[in-house]
Amino acid sequence: MIVGLAADRLNRHPHGWYTGMLLIATDEAGYGPKLGPLIITGTAWEVQGHPDRDSLDRLFQPLREPHLCGEISVVVDDSKAVFKPSSGLAGLHAVVSACMHWCKRPENSLLPALPWLAGMDLESIRSTPWLEMQDHDEPWVTASETKECLESWQSTGLKLVGVSSRVITAKAFNEFCAGGANKADLLSQTTLNLVKTLLAEHQGSSDFVDVYCDRHGGRRYYAGVLQHVFAEHLAQVHSETAKESSYLLTGGGPDVSVRFTVKGDRFSPVALASMHAKYLRERCMQAFNHYFADRHVGQLKPTAGYPADADRYLAAIVEVVAREKIKQEHLVRDR
């Protein structure tokens, strides 16, 4: 257990101990399905001062209020609460558009932004024909249309400095699990490696890092995977309760506080990561469904990839899979 000064650092981050704080928040989309990629996204923020959690909630309050992005009223919340398949992707598209402008990205749509947004998996995406999004790319909502929203989001001094995603295809998913690991290991290791990448890219002058993650399924203990990924740090347990598991990484660079919280996506920076992950997952599934519908004889009802419906879909496309010589392990997750 962490005691003394280390525990105080994890809980309070008082002024005077650090020159600045980097906040990183993560979430995923597509953990449960059998078809389509698992998407893990992290958002990185420069935060003025060293606020505690209650103060952070106040800083992020503007993101939880409705604002217009173009003609769409948007609010930052858990993607499951704001996205409904029947209403389409307009809301998520507008939020992601605003974030691209916030990060001062020059690209005008998702496809050219992928090398920045999901660069670690670009080769894997491009080598998977059913993830080809070339024919279905939609321009971002313009900078002028997102200006009012961004002015409100930035009004408390927050600065979004980075967004990064991992796109784990079925092929990559199965290759990871082939050595005896499970999908919980995949989620935790990939998430924390993404955190490590964002830390290296955006640490700047910050000498403390605050990391917030939605809890990974029912997993409660993370010290082992933290120590594995952050081998240059010492991973110390602060608490491992039914609601939250929290840790402090010391040595080897800035101290890093890491929390895995039940319903962590209620925290705005985690919710924004959730929305980005969901947007990218849905764009991938649009491409997935278009690919097989274009090669299928007759009508083919789209799938979201969840197990029962995935079995229905796989039965319907069996001739396409055979004709295109698609390997099962490249299309369907084993676990």
C-alpha atoms as a PDB file:
ATOM      1  CA  MET A   1       0.000   0.000   0.000  1.00  0.00           C
ATOM      2  CA  ILE A   2       1.154   3.559  -0.655  1.00  0.00           C
ATOM      3  CA  VAL A   3       1.748   5.591   2.480  1.00  0.00           C
ATOM      4  CA  GLY A   4       2.878   9.089   3.412  1.00  0.00           C
ATOM      5  CA  LEU A   5       3.936  11.473   0.678  1.00  0.00           C
ATOM      6  CA  ALA A   6       3.210   9.039  -2.163  1.00  0.00           C
ATOM      7  CA  ALA A   7      -0.412   8.642  -1.084  1.00  0.00           C
ATOM      8  CA  ASP A   8      -0.764  12.420  -0.764  1.00  0.00           C
ATOM      9  CA  ARG A   9       0.534  12.826  -4.301  1.00  0.00           C
ATOM     10  CA  LEU A  10      -1.977  10.332  -5.626  1.00  0.00           C
ATOM     11  CA  ASN A  11      -4.865  12.007  -3.846  1.00  0.00           C
ATOM     12  CA  ARG A  12      -4.196  15.747  -3.905  1.00  0.00           C
ATOM     13  CA  HIS A  13      -1.342  16.960  -6.175  1.00  0.00           C
ATOM     14  CA  PRO A  14      -0.963  20.225  -4.174  1.00  0.00           C
ATOM     15  CA  HIS A  15       0.434  23.379  -5.763  1.00  0.00           C
ATOM     16  CA  GLY A  16       4.163  23.714  -5.351  1.00  0.00           C
ATOM     17  CA  TRP A  17       5.051  20.054  -5.788  1.00  0.00           C
ATOM     18  CA  TYR A  18       4.823  19.990  -9.577  1.00  0.00           C
ATOM     19  CA  THR A  19       5.279  22.501 -12.382  1.00  0.00           C
ATOM     20  CA  GLY A  20       2.446  21.103 -14.492  1.00  0.00           C
ATOM     21  CA  MET A  21       0.116  18.161 -15.035  1.00  0.00           C
ATOM     22  CA  LEU A  22      -0.611  15.959 -18.018  1.00  0.00           C
ATOM     23  CA  LEU A  23      -3.947  14.148 -17.862  1.00  0.00           C
ATOM     24  CA  ILE A  24      -4.517  11.031 -19.967  1.00  0.00           C
ATOM     25  CA  ALA A  25      -7.890   9.286 -20.223  1.00  0.00           C
ATOM     26  CA  THR A  26      -8.735   6.043 -22.032  1.00  0.00           C
ATOM     27  CA  ASP A  27     -11.697   3.921 -23.058  1.00  0.00           C
ATOM     28  CA  GLU A  28     -12.589   1.255 -25.615  1.00  0.00           C
ATOM     29  CA  ALA A  29     -15.293   0.275 -28.074  1.00  0.00           C
ATOM     30  CA  GLY A  30     -15.856  -3.188 -29.507  1.00  0.00           C
ATOM     31  CA  TYR A  31     -14.552  -5.342 -26.651  1.00  0.00           C
ATOM     32  CA  GLY A  32     -17.521  -7.742 -26.741  1.00  0.00           C
ATOM     33  CA  PRO A  33     -18.145  -8.374 -30.485  1.00  0.00           C
ATOM     34  CA  LYS A  34     -16.808 -11.268 -32.560  1.00  0.00           C
ATOM     35  CA  LEU A  35     -16.590  -9.218 -35.763  1.00  0.00           C
ATOM     36  CA  GLY A  36     -14.856  -5.934 -36.448  1.00  0.00           C
ATOM     37  CA  PRO A  37     -11.943  -4.333 -34.620  1.00  0.00           C
ATOM     38  CA  LEU A  38     -11.444  -3.546 -30.961  1.00  0.00           C
ATOM     39  CA  ILE A  39     -10.758   0.189 -30.681  1.00  0.00           C
ATOM     40  CA  ILE A  40      -8.915   1.714 -27.725  1.00  0.00           C
ATOM     41  CA  THR A  41      -8.550   5.494 -27.565  1.00  0.00           C
ATOM     42  CA  GLY A  42      -6.668   7.864 -25.302  1.00  0.00           C
ATOM     43  CA  THR A  43      -7.086  11.615 -24.928  1.00  0.00           C
ATOM     44  CA  ALA A  44      -4.229  13.751 -23.579  1.00  0.00           C
ATOM     45  CA  TRP A  45      -4.719  17.101 -21.823  1.00  0.00           C
ATOM     46  CA  GLU A  46      -2.572  19.875 -20.434  1.00  0.00           C
ATOM     47  CA  VAL A  47      -4.236  21.074 -17.229  1.00  0.00           C
ATOM     48  CA  GLN A  48      -3.342  24.328 -15.489  1.00  0.00           C
ATOM     49  CA  GLY A  49      -2.334  23.911 -11.871  1.00  0.00           C
ATOM     50  CA  HIS A  50      -2.760  20.614 -10.073  1.00  0.00           C
ATOM     51  CA  PRO A  51      -6.488  20.188  -9.390  1.00  0.00           C
ATOM     52  CA  ASP A  52      -8.012  17.311  -7.471  1.00  0.00           C
ATOM     53  CA  ARG A  53     -10.834  15.223  -8.947  1.00  0.00           C
ATOM     54  CA  ASP A  54     -13.628  17.562  -7.809  1.00  0.00           C
ATOM     55  CA  SER A  55     -11.809  20.532  -9.305  1.00  0.00           C
ATOM     56  CA  LEU A  56     -11.235  18.588 -12.516  1.00  0.00           C
ATOM     57  CA  ASP A  57     -14.962  17.907 -12.758  1.00  0.00           C
ATOM     58  CA  ARG A  58     -15.566  21.648 -12.604  1.00  0.00           C
ATOM     59  CA  LEU A  59     -12.928  22.313 -15.268  1.00  0.00           C
ATOM     60  CA  PHE A  60     -14.610  19.800 -17.593  1.00  0.00           C
ATOM     61  CA  GLN A  61     -18.142  21.041 -16.888  1.00  0.00           C
ATOM     62  CA  PRO A  62     -18.443  22.891 -20.247  1.00  0.00           C
ATOM     63  CA  LEU A  63     -17.980  19.588 -22.092  1.00  0.00           C
ATOM     64  CA  ARG A  64     -21.041  18.165 -20.340  1.00  0.00           C
ATOM     65  CA  GLU A  65     -23.262  21.041 -21.491  1.00  0.00           C
ATOM     66  CA  PRO A  66     -24.995  21.045 -24.906  1.00  0.00           C
ATOM     67  CA  HIS A  67     -23.372  23.133 -27.630  1.00  0.00           C
ATOM     68  CA  LEU A  68     -23.935  23.519 -31.341  1.00  0.00           C
ATOM     69  CA  CYS A  69     -21.400  22.061 -33.759  1.00  0.00           C
ATOM     70  CA  GLY A  70     -22.769  23.157 -37.067  1.00  0.00           C
ATOM     71  CA  GLU A  71     -26.408  22.128 -36.946  1.00  0.00           C
ATOM     72  CA  ILE A  72     -25.851  19.386 -34.358  1.00  0.00           C
ATOM     73  CA  SER A  73     -26.283  19.857 -30.610  1.00  0.00           C
ATOM     74  CA  VAL A  74     -23.506  17.891 -28.927  1.00  0.00           C
ATOM     75  CA  VAL A  75     -22.592  16.924 -25.383  1.00  0.00           C
ATOM     76  CA  VAL A  76     -19.616  14.893 -24.169  1.00  0.00           C
ATOM     77  CA  ASP A  77     -20.818  11.764 -22.393  1.00  0.00           C
ATOM     78  CA  ASP A  78     -20.281   8.021 -22.473  1.00  0.00           C
ATOM     79  CA  SER A  79     -20.722   6.968 -26.097  1.00  0.00           C
ATOM     80  CA  LYS A  80     -23.353   4.377 -25.120  1.00  0.00           C
ATOM     81  CA  ALA A  81     -25.493   7.222 -23.750  1.00  0.00           C
ATOM     82  CA  VAL A  82     -25.151   9.572 -26.735  1.00  0.00           C
ATOM     83  CA  PHE A  83     -25.001   7.201 -29.717  1.00  0.00           C
ATOM     84  CA  LYS A  84     -28.016   5.336 -31.040  1.00  0.00           C
ATOM     85  CA  PRO A  85     -27.694   3.392 -34.318  1.00  0.00           C
ATOM     86  CA  SER A  86     -31.063   4.747 -35.475  1.00  0.00           C
ATOM     87  CA  SER A  87     -29.824   8.355 -35.257  1.00  0.00           C
ATOM     88  CA  GLY A  88     -26.570   7.776 -37.139  1.00  0.00           C
ATOM     89  CA  LEU A  89     -23.088   9.131 -36.561  1.00  0.00           C
ATOM     90  CA  ALA A  90     -23.753  12.869 -36.910  1.00  0.00           C
ATOM     91  CA  GLY A  91     -23.290  13.646 -33.205  1.00  0.00           C
ATOM     92  CA  LEU A  92     -20.091  11.631 -32.813  1.00  0.00           C
ATOM     93  CA  HIS A  93     -18.804  12.994 -36.128  1.00  0.00           C
ATOM     94  CA  ALA A  94     -19.343  16.564 -34.920  1.00  0.00           C
ATOM     95  CA  VAL A  95     -17.543  15.944 -31.598  1.00  0.00           C
ATOM     96  CA  VAL A  96     -14.574  14.261 -33.300  1.00  0.00           C
ATOM     97  CA  SER A  97     -14.480  17.118 -35.831  1.00  0.00           C
ATOM     98  CA  ALA A  98     -14.314  19.675 -33.030  1.00  0.00           C
ATOM     99  CA  CYS A  99     -11.472  17.770 -31.370  1.00  0.00           C
ATOM    100  CA  MET A 100      -9.490  17.630 -34.594  1.00  0.00           C
ATOM    101  CA  HIS A 101      -9.760  21.420 -34.827  1.00  0.00           C
ATOM    102  CA  TRP A 102      -8.892  21.742 -31.113  1.00  0.00           C
ATOM    103  CA  CYS A 103      -5.697  19.779 -31.781  1.00  0.00           C
ATOM    104  CA  LYS A 104      -5.047  22.006 -34.828  1.00  0.00           C
ATOM    105  CA  ARG A 105      -4.985  19.080 -37.228  1.00  0.00           C
ATOM    106  CA  PRO A 106      -4.811  20.040 -40.932  1.00  0.00           C
ATOM    107  CA  GLU A 107      -6.668  16.971 -42.281  1.00  0.00           C
ATOM    108  CA  ASN A 108     -10.256  17.503 -43.428  1.00  0.00           C
ATOM    109  CA  SER A 109     -11.678  14.012 -42.773  1.00  0.00           C
ATOM    110  CA  LEU A 110     -10.992  10.718 -41.025  1.00  0.00           C
ATOM    111  CA  LEU A 111      -9.122   8.898 -43.777  1.00  0.00           C
ATOM    112  CA  PRO A 112      -6.212  11.345 -44.122  1.00  0.00           C
ATOM    113  CA  ALA A 113      -6.189  11.750 -40.324  1.00  0.00           C
ATOM    114  CA  LEU A 114      -5.650   8.022 -39.676  1.00  0.00           C
ATOM    115  CA  PRO A 115      -1.822   8.202 -39.820  1.00  0.00           C
ATOM    116  CA  TRP A 116      -1.993  10.662 -36.906  1.00  0.00           C
ATOM    117  CA  LEU A 117      -4.975   9.178 -35.095  1.00  0.00           C
ATOM    118  CA  ALA A 118      -4.146   5.459 -35.429  1.00  0.00           C
ATOM    119  CA  GLY A 119      -0.647   5.386 -36.850  1.00  0.00           C
ATOM    120  CA  MET A 120       0.501   2.294 -34.937  1.00  0.00           C
ATOM    121  CA  ASP A 121      -2.117   0.178 -36.747  1.00  0.00           C
ATOM    122  CA  LEU A 122      -2.170   1.882 -40.137  1.00  0.00           C
ATOM    123  CA  GLU A 123      -0.520  -1.042 -41.934  1.00  0.00           C
ATOM    124  CA  SER A 124      -2.915  -3.507 -40.275  1.00  0.00           C
ATOM    125  CA  ILE A 125      -5.934  -1.407 -41.288  1.00  0.00           C
ATOM    126  CA  ARG A 126      -4.755  -1.014 -44.878  1.00  0.00           C
ATOM    127  CA  SER A 127      -4.083  -4.738 -45.227  1.00  0.00           C
ATOM    128  CA  THR A 128      -7.649  -5.591 -44.144  1.00  0.00           C
ATOM    129  CA  PRO A 129      -9.896  -5.136 -47.215  1.00  0.00           C
ATOM    130  CA  TRP A 130     -13.149  -4.911 -45.235  1.00  0.00           C
ATOM    131  CA  LEU A 131     -11.819  -1.888 -43.319  1.00  0.00           C
ATOM    132  CA  GLU A 132     -11.354   0.174 -46.487  1.00  0.00           C
ATOM    133  CA  MET A 133     -13.089   3.507 -45.849  1.00  0.00           C
ATOM    134  CA  GLN A 134     -12.043   5.284 -49.047  1.00  0.00           C
ATOM    135  CA  ASP A 135     -15.524   5.430 -50.586  1.00  0.00           C
ATOM    136  CA  HIS A 136     -17.329   6.520 -47.443  1.00  0.00           C
ATOM    137  CA  ASP A 137     -15.185   9.342 -46.076  1.00  0.00           C
ATOM    138  CA  GLU A 138     -17.081  12.421 -44.861  1.00  0.00           C
ATOM    139  CA  PRO A 139     -15.479  15.860 -44.339  1.00  0.00           C
ATOM    140  CA  TRP A 140     -15.142  17.095 -40.792  1.00  0.00           C
ATOM    141  CA  VAL A 141     -17.571  19.728 -39.565  1.00  0.00           C
ATOM    142  CA  THR A 142     -15.733  22.949 -40.418  1.00  0.00           C
ATOM    143  CA  ALA A 143     -13.611  24.978 -38.008  1.00  0.00           C
ATOM    144  CA  SER A 144     -16.001  27.916 -38.217  1.00  0.00           C
ATOM    145  CA  GLU A 145     -18.951  25.657 -37.343  1.00  0.00           C
ATOM    146  CA  THR A 146     -17.170  24.256 -34.272  1.00  0.00           C
ATOM    147  CA  LYS A 147     -15.733  27.595 -33.097  1.00  0.00           C
ATOM    148  CA  GLU A 148     -18.471  28.447 -30.584  1.00  0.00           C
ATOM    149  CA  CYS A 149     -18.388  24.964 -29.067  1.00  0.00           C
ATOM    150  CA  LEU A 150     -14.608  25.000 -28.743  1.00  0.00           C
ATOM    151  CA  GLU A 151     -14.588  28.442 -27.150  1.00  0.00           C
ATOM    152  CA  SER A 152     -16.827  27.086 -24.399  1.00  0.00           C
ATOM    153  CA  TRP A 153     -14.821  23.884 -23.965  1.00  0.00           C
ATOM    154  CA  GLN A 154     -11.600  25.918 -23.652  1.00  0.00           C
ATOM    155  CA  SER A 155     -13.087  28.543 -21.331  1.00  0.00           C
ATOM    156  CA  THR A 156     -11.742  26.946 -18.126  1.00  0.00           C
ATOM    157  CA  GLY A 157      -8.182  26.714 -19.442  1.00  0.00           C
ATOM    158  CA  LEU A 158      -8.212  23.091 -20.607  1.00  0.00           C
ATOM    159  CA  LYS A 159      -6.043  22.170 -23.583  1.00  0.00           C
ATOM    160  CA  LEU A 160      -6.591  18.974 -25.563  1.00  0.00           C
ATOM    161  CA  VAL A 161      -3.125  18.164 -26.919  1.00  0.00           C
ATOM    162  CA  GLY A 162      -3.580  14.692 -28.371  1.00  0.00           C
ATOM    163  CA  VAL A 163      -5.909  11.885 -29.332  1.00  0.00           C
ATOM    164  CA  SER A 164      -4.588   8.451 -30.234  1.00  0.00           C
ATOM    165  CA  SER A 165      -6.280   5.150 -31.025  1.00  0.00           C
ATOM    166  CA  ARG A 166      -5.350   1.510 -31.399  1.00  0.00           C
ATOM    167  CA  VAL A 167      -7.305  -0.459 -33.993  1.00  0.00           C
ATOM    168  CA  ILE A 168      -6.973  -4.153 -33.130  1.00  0.00           C
ATOM    169  CA  THR A 169      -8.204  -6.232 -36.072  1.00  0.00           C
ATOM    170  CA  ALA A 170      -9.470  -9.789 -35.635  1.00  0.00           C
ATOM    171  CA  LYS A 171      -6.160 -11.023 -37.057  1.00  0.00           C
ATOM    172  CA  ALA A 172      -4.118  -9.038 -34.528  1.00  0.00           C
ATOM    173  CA  PHE A 173      -6.557  -9.993 -31.747  1.00  0.00           C
ATOM    174  CA  ASN A 174      -6.192 -13.720 -32.497  1.00  0.00           C
ATOM    175  CA  GLU A 175      -2.411 -13.531 -32.861  1.00  0.00           C
ATOM    176  CA  PHE A 176      -2.145 -11.926 -29.408  1.00  0.00           C
ATOM    177  CA  CYS A 177      -4.359 -14.578 -27.796  1.00  0.00           C
ATOM    178  CA  ALA A 178      -2.675 -17.491 -29.603  1.00  0.00           C
ATOM    179  CA  GLY A 179       0.096 -17.581 -27.005  1.00  0.00           C
ATOM    180  CA  GLY A 180      -2.319 -18.312 -24.169  1.00  0.00           C
ATOM    181  CA  ALA A 181      -3.249 -14.741 -23.244  1.00  0.00           C
ATOM    182  CA  ASN A 182      -6.881 -13.687 -23.065  1.00  0.00           C
ATOM    183  CA  LYS A 183      -8.748 -10.639 -24.305  1.00  0.00           C
ATOM    184  CA  ALA A 184      -8.602  -8.994 -20.866  1.00  0.00           C
ATOM    185  CA  ASP A 185      -4.794  -9.137 -21.091  1.00  0.00           C
ATOM    186  CA  LEU A 186      -4.996  -7.664 -24.587  1.00  0.00           C
ATOM    187  CA  LEU A 187      -7.189  -4.791 -23.432  1.00  0.00           C
ATOM    188  CA  SER A 188      -5.077  -3.901 -20.407  1.00  0.00           C
ATOM    189  CA  GLN A 189      -1.683  -4.231 -22.102  1.00  0.00           C
ATOM    190  CA  THR A 190      -2.737  -2.306 -25.191  1.00  0.00           C
ATOM    191  CA  THR A 191      -4.390   0.431 -23.145  1.00  0.00           C
ATOM    192  CA  LEU A 192      -1.361   0.952 -20.932  1.00  0.00           C
ATOM    193  CA  ASN A 193       1.057   0.905 -23.868  1.00  0.00           C
ATOM    194  CA  LEU A 194      -1.124   3.584 -25.458  1.00  0.00           C
ATOM    195  CA  VAL A 195      -0.879   5.589 -22.223  1.00  0.00           C
ATOM    196  CA  LYS A 196       2.888   5.196 -22.317  1.00  0.00           C
ATOM    197  CA  THR A 197       3.004   6.448 -25.914  1.00  0.00           C
ATOM    198  CA  LEU A 198       0.834   9.481 -25.127  1.00  0.00           C
ATOM    199  CA  LEU A 199       2.994  10.251 -22.088  1.00  0.00           C
ATOM    200  CA  ALA A 200       6.156  10.199 -24.190  1.00  0.00           C
ATOM    201  CA  GLU A 201       4.587  12.407 -26.870  1.00  0.00           C
ATOM    202  CA  HIS A 202       2.946  15.005 -24.643  1.00  0.00           C
ATOM    203  CA  GLN A 203       4.780  15.149 -21.322  1.00  0.00           C
ATOM    204  CA  GLY A 204       6.380  18.474 -22.194  1.00  0.00           C
ATOM    205  CA  SER A 205       7.178  20.397 -19.007  1.00  0.00           C
ATOM    206  CA  SER A 206       4.720  18.397 -16.910  1.00  0.00           C
ATOM    207  CA  ASP A 207       6.289  16.417 -14.115  1.00  0.00           C
ATOM    208  CA  PHE A 208       3.146  14.667 -12.927  1.00  0.00           C
ATOM    209  CA  VAL A 209       0.797  12.493 -14.974  1.00  0.00           C
ATOM    210  CA  ASP A 210      -2.787  11.639 -14.008  1.00  0.00           C
ATOM    211  CA  VAL A 211      -4.294   8.654 -15.858  1.00  0.00           C
ATOM    212  CA  TYR A 212      -7.995   7.748 -15.782  1.00  0.00           C
ATOM    213  CA  CYS A 213      -9.358   4.538 -17.293  1.00  0.00           C
ATOM    214  CA  ASP A 214     -12.748   2.909 -17.334  1.00  0.00           C
ATOM    215  CA  ARG A 215     -12.388  -0.415 -15.507  1.00  0.00           C
ATOM    216  CA  HIS A 216     -11.526  -3.293 -17.854  1.00  0.00           C
ATOM    217  CA  GLY A 217     -14.517  -5.607 -17.552  1.00  0.00           C
ATOM    218  CA  GLY A 218     -14.517  -7.227 -14.130  1.00  0.00           C
ATOM    219  CA  ARG A 219     -10.766  -6.920 -13.657  1.00  0.00           C
ATOM    220  CA  ARG A 220      -9.810  -5.528 -10.245  1.00  0.00           C
ATOM    221  CA  TYR A 221      -6.028  -6.007  -9.999  1.00  0.00           C
ATOM    222  CA  TYR A 222      -3.627  -4.208 -12.359  1.00  0.00           C
ATOM    223  CA  ALA A 223      -0.312  -3.956 -10.523  1.00  0.00           C
ATOM    224  CA  GLY A 224       1.235  -6.799 -12.523  1.00  0.00           C
ATOM    225  CA  VAL A 225       0.364  -5.423 -15.951  1.00  0.00           C
ATOM    226  CA  LEU A 226       1.359  -1.904 -14.878  1.00  0.00           C
ATOM    227  CA  GLN A 227       4.771  -3.154 -13.755  1.00  0.00           C
ATOM    228  CA  HIS A 228       5.151  -5.093 -17.013  1.00  0.00           C
ATOM    229  CA  VAL A 229       4.365  -2.115 -19.243  1.00  0.00           C
ATOM    230  CA  PHE A 230       6.097   0.527 -17.109  1.00  0.00           C
ATOM    231  CA  ALA A 231       9.150  -1.581 -16.279  1.00  0.00           C
ATOM    232  CA  GLU A 232      11.258   1.521 -15.614  1.00  0.00           C
ATOM    233  CA  HIS A 233       8.867   2.596 -12.824  1.00  0.00           C
ATOM    234  CA  LEU A 234       7.942   1.022  -9.498  1.00  0.00           C
ATOM    235  CA  ALA A 235       4.216   0.201  -9.432  1.00  0.00           C
ATOM    236  CA  GLN A 236       2.703   0.742  -5.981  1.00  0.00           C
ATOM    237  CA  VAL A 237      -0.856  -0.173  -5.013  1.00  0.00           C
ATOM    238  CA  HIS A 238      -2.917   2.624  -3.508  1.00  0.00           C
ATOM    239  CA  SER A 239      -6.284   0.868  -3.364  1.00  0.00           C
ATOM    240  CA  GLU A 240      -8.109  -2.017  -5.032  1.00  0.00           C
ATOM    241  CA  THR A 241     -11.759  -1.750  -4.105  1.00  0.00           C
ATOM    242  CA  ALA A 242     -15.001  -2.816  -5.746  1.00  0.00           C
ATOM    243  CA  LYS A 243     -15.350   0.672  -7.261  1.00  0.00           C
ATOM    244  CA  GLU A 244     -11.797   1.699  -8.121  1.00  0.00           C
ATOM    245  CA  SER A 245      -8.282   0.346  -8.423  1.00  0.00           C
ATOM    246  CA  SER A 246      -5.593   3.022  -8.113  1.00  0.00           C
ATOM    247  CA  TYR A 247      -1.811   2.969  -8.339  1.00  0.00           C
ATOM    248  CA  LEU A 248       1.250   5.214  -8.275  1.00  0.00           C
ATOM    249  CA  LEU A 249       4.198   4.687 -10.609  1.00  0.00           C
ATOM    250  CA  THR A 250       7.424   6.242  -9.317  1.00  0.00           C
ATOM    251  CA  GLY A 251      10.974   6.454 -10.606  1.00  0.00           C
ATOM    252  CA  GLY A 252      12.098   6.406 -14.226  1.00  0.00           C
ATOM    253  CA  GLY A 253      10.553   9.783 -15.012  1.00  0.00           C
ATOM    254  CA  PRO A 254       7.522  11.705 -13.770  1.00  0.00           C
ATOM    255  CA  ASP A 255       5.281  10.143 -11.143  1.00  0.00           C
ATOM    256  CA  VAL A 256       2.210   8.624 -12.760  1.00  0.00           C
ATOM    257  CA  SER A 257      -1.113   8.144 -10.975  1.00  0.00           C
ATOM    258  CA  VAL A 258      -3.317   5.505 -12.635  1.00  0.00           C
ATOM    259  CA  ARG A 259      -6.969   4.801 -11.826  1.00  0.00           C
ATOM    260  CA  PHE A 260      -9.315   2.129 -13.192  1.00  0.00           C
ATOM    261  CA  THR A 261     -12.819   3.130 -12.153  1.00  0.00           C
ATOM    262  CA  VAL A 262     -16.204   1.435 -12.449  1.00  0.00           C
ATOM    263  CA  LYS A 263     -18.290   3.629 -14.761  1.00  0.00           C
ATOM    264  CA  GLY A 264     -15.165   5.701 -15.318  1.00  0.00           C
ATOM    265  CA  ASP A 265     -16.661   6.958 -18.581  1.00  0.00           C
ATOM    266  CA  ARG A 266     -18.794   9.351 -16.511  1.00  0.00           C
ATOM    267  CA  PHE A 267     -15.618  11.461 -16.226  1.00  0.00           C
ATOM    268  CA  SER A 268     -15.549  13.805 -19.221  1.00  0.00           C
ATOM    269  CA  PRO A 269     -12.034  13.094 -20.582  1.00  0.00           C
ATOM    270  CA  VAL A 270     -12.754   9.351 -20.428  1.00  0.00           C
ATOM    271  CA  ALA A 271     -16.143   9.962 -22.053  1.00  0.00           C
ATOM    272  CA  LEU A 272     -14.445  11.853 -24.883  1.00  0.00           C
ATOM    273  CA  ALA A 273     -12.095   8.910 -25.406  1.00  0.00           C
ATOM    274  CA  SER A 274     -15.169   6.656 -25.455  1.00  0.00           C
ATOM    275  CA  MET A 275     -16.808   8.815 -28.124  1.00  0.00           C
ATOM    276  CA  HIS A 276     -13.712   8.753 -30.329  1.00  0.00           C
ATOM    277  CA  ALA A 277     -13.385   4.982 -29.950  1.00  0.00           C
ATOM    278  CA  LYS A 278     -17.056   4.466 -30.778  1.00  0.00           C
ATOM    279  CA  TYR A 279     -16.867   6.762 -33.791  1.00  0.00           C
ATOM    280  CA  LEU A 280     -13.869   4.912 -35.207  1.00  0.00           C
ATOM    281  CA  ARG A 281     -15.445   1.526 -34.468  1.00  0.00           C
ATOM    282  CA  GLU A 282     -18.679   2.541 -36.239  1.00  0.00           C
ATOM    283  CA  ARG A 283     -16.782   3.868 -39.241  1.00  0.00           C
ATOM    284  CA  CYS A 284     -14.925   0.544 -39.432  1.00  0.00           C
ATOM    285  CA  MET A 285     -18.188  -1.386 -39.198  1.00  0.00           C
ATOM    286  CA  GLN A 286     -19.712   0.727 -41.971  1.00  0.00           C
ATOM    287  CA  ALA A 287     -16.791  -0.283 -44.186  1.00  0.00           C
ATOM    288  CA  PHE A 288     -17.096  -3.900 -43.017  1.00  0.00           C
ATOM    289  CA  ASN A 289     -20.788  -4.103 -43.900  1.00  0.00           C
ATOM    290  CA  HIS A 290     -20.351  -2.330 -47.244  1.00  0.00           C
ATOM    291  CA  TYR A 291     -17.551  -4.720 -48.236  1.00  0.00           C
ATOM    292  CA  PHE A 292     -19.628  -7.844 -47.727  1.00  0.00           C
ATOM    293  CA  ALA A 293     -22.901  -6.334 -48.989  1.00  0.00           C
ATOM    294  CA  ASP A 294     -21.169  -5.386 -52.259  1.00  0.00           C
ATOM    295  CA  ARG A 295     -20.099  -9.023 -52.774  1.00  0.00           C
ATOM    296  CA  HIS A 296     -23.251 -10.717 -51.480  1.00  0.00           C
ATOM    297  CA  VAL A 297     -26.066 -11.848 -53.786  1.00  0.00           C
ATOM    298  CA  GLY A 298     -29.326 -10.329 -52.542  1.00  0.00           C
ATOM    299  CA  GLN A 299     -30.044  -8.310 -49.424  1.00  0.00           C
ATOM    300  CA  LEU A 300     -27.656  -8.536 -46.484  1.00  0.00           C
ATOM    301  CA  LYS A 301     -28.710  -7.070 -43.152  1.00  0.00           C
ATOM    302  CA  PRO A 302     -25.783  -5.206 -41.529  1.00  0.00           C
ATOM    303  CA  THR A 303     -24.243  -6.426 -38.294  1.00  0.00           C
ATOM    304  CA  ALA A 304     -22.724  -4.714 -35.271  1.00  0.00           C
ATOM    305  CA  GLY A 305     -20.604  -7.835 -34.740  1.00  0.00           C
ATOM    306  CA  TYR A 306     -21.981  -9.052 -31.396  1.00  0.00           C
ATOM    307  CA  PRO A 307     -21.897 -12.847 -30.961  1.00  0.00           C
ATOM    308  CA  ALA A 308     -25.465 -13.986 -31.751  1.00  0.00           C
ATOM    309  CA  ASP A 309     -25.879 -11.649 -34.712  1.00  0.00           C
ATOM    310  CA  ALA A 310     -22.326 -12.342 -35.865  1.00  0.00           C
ATOM    311  CA  ASP A 311     -23.242 -16.009 -36.278  1.00  0.00           C
ATOM    312  CA  ARG A 312     -26.244 -15.023 -38.415  1.00  0.00           C
ATOM    313  CA  TYR A 313     -24.060 -12.737 -40.531  1.00  0.00           C
ATOM    314  CA  LEU A 314     -21.279 -15.303 -40.960  1.00  0.00           C
ATOM    315  CA  ALA A 315     -23.808 -17.875 -42.168  1.00  0.00           C
ATOM    316  CA  ALA A 316     -25.093 -15.363 -44.726  1.00  0.00           C
ATOM    317  CA  ILE A 317     -21.640 -14.492 -46.115  1.00  0.00           C
ATOM    318  CA  VAL A 318     -20.178 -17.996 -46.214  1.00  0.00           C
ATOM    319  CA  GLU A 319     -20.033 -17.965 -50.032  1.00  0.00           C
ATOM    320  CA  VAL A 320     -18.355 -14.554 -50.080  1.00  0.00           C
ATOM    321  CA  VAL A 321     -15.749 -15.712 -47.557  1.00  0.00           C
ATOM    322  CA  ALA A 322     -14.997 -18.788 -49.671  1.00  0.00           C
ATOM    323  CA  ARG A 323     -14.912 -16.855 -52.962  1.00  0.00           C
ATOM    324  CA  GLU A 324     -12.624 -14.142 -51.590  1.00  0.00           C
ATOM    325  CA  LYS A 325     -10.426 -16.756 -49.863  1.00  0.00           C
ATOM    326  CA  ILE A 326     -10.746 -14.998 -46.498  1.00  0.00           C
ATOM    327  CA  LYS A 327      -9.122 -16.839 -43.616  1.00  0.00           C
ATOM    328  CA  GLN A 328     -11.417 -17.386 -40.632  1.00  0.00           C
ATOM    329  CA  GLU A 329      -8.767 -16.221 -38.179  1.00  0.00           C
ATOM    330  CA  HIS A 330      -8.477 -12.916 -40.055  1.00  0.00           C
ATOM    331  CA  LEU A 331     -12.223 -12.275 -39.891  1.00  0.00           C
ATOM    332  CA  VAL A 332     -13.566 -13.729 -36.634  1.00  0.00           C
ATOM    333  CA  ARG A 333     -12.168 -13.365 -33.118  1.00  0.00           C
ATOM    334  CA  ASP A 334     -11.517 -16.694 -31.436  1.00  0.00           C
ATOM    335  CA  ARG A 335     -12.345 -15.333 -27.962  1.00  0.00           C
END
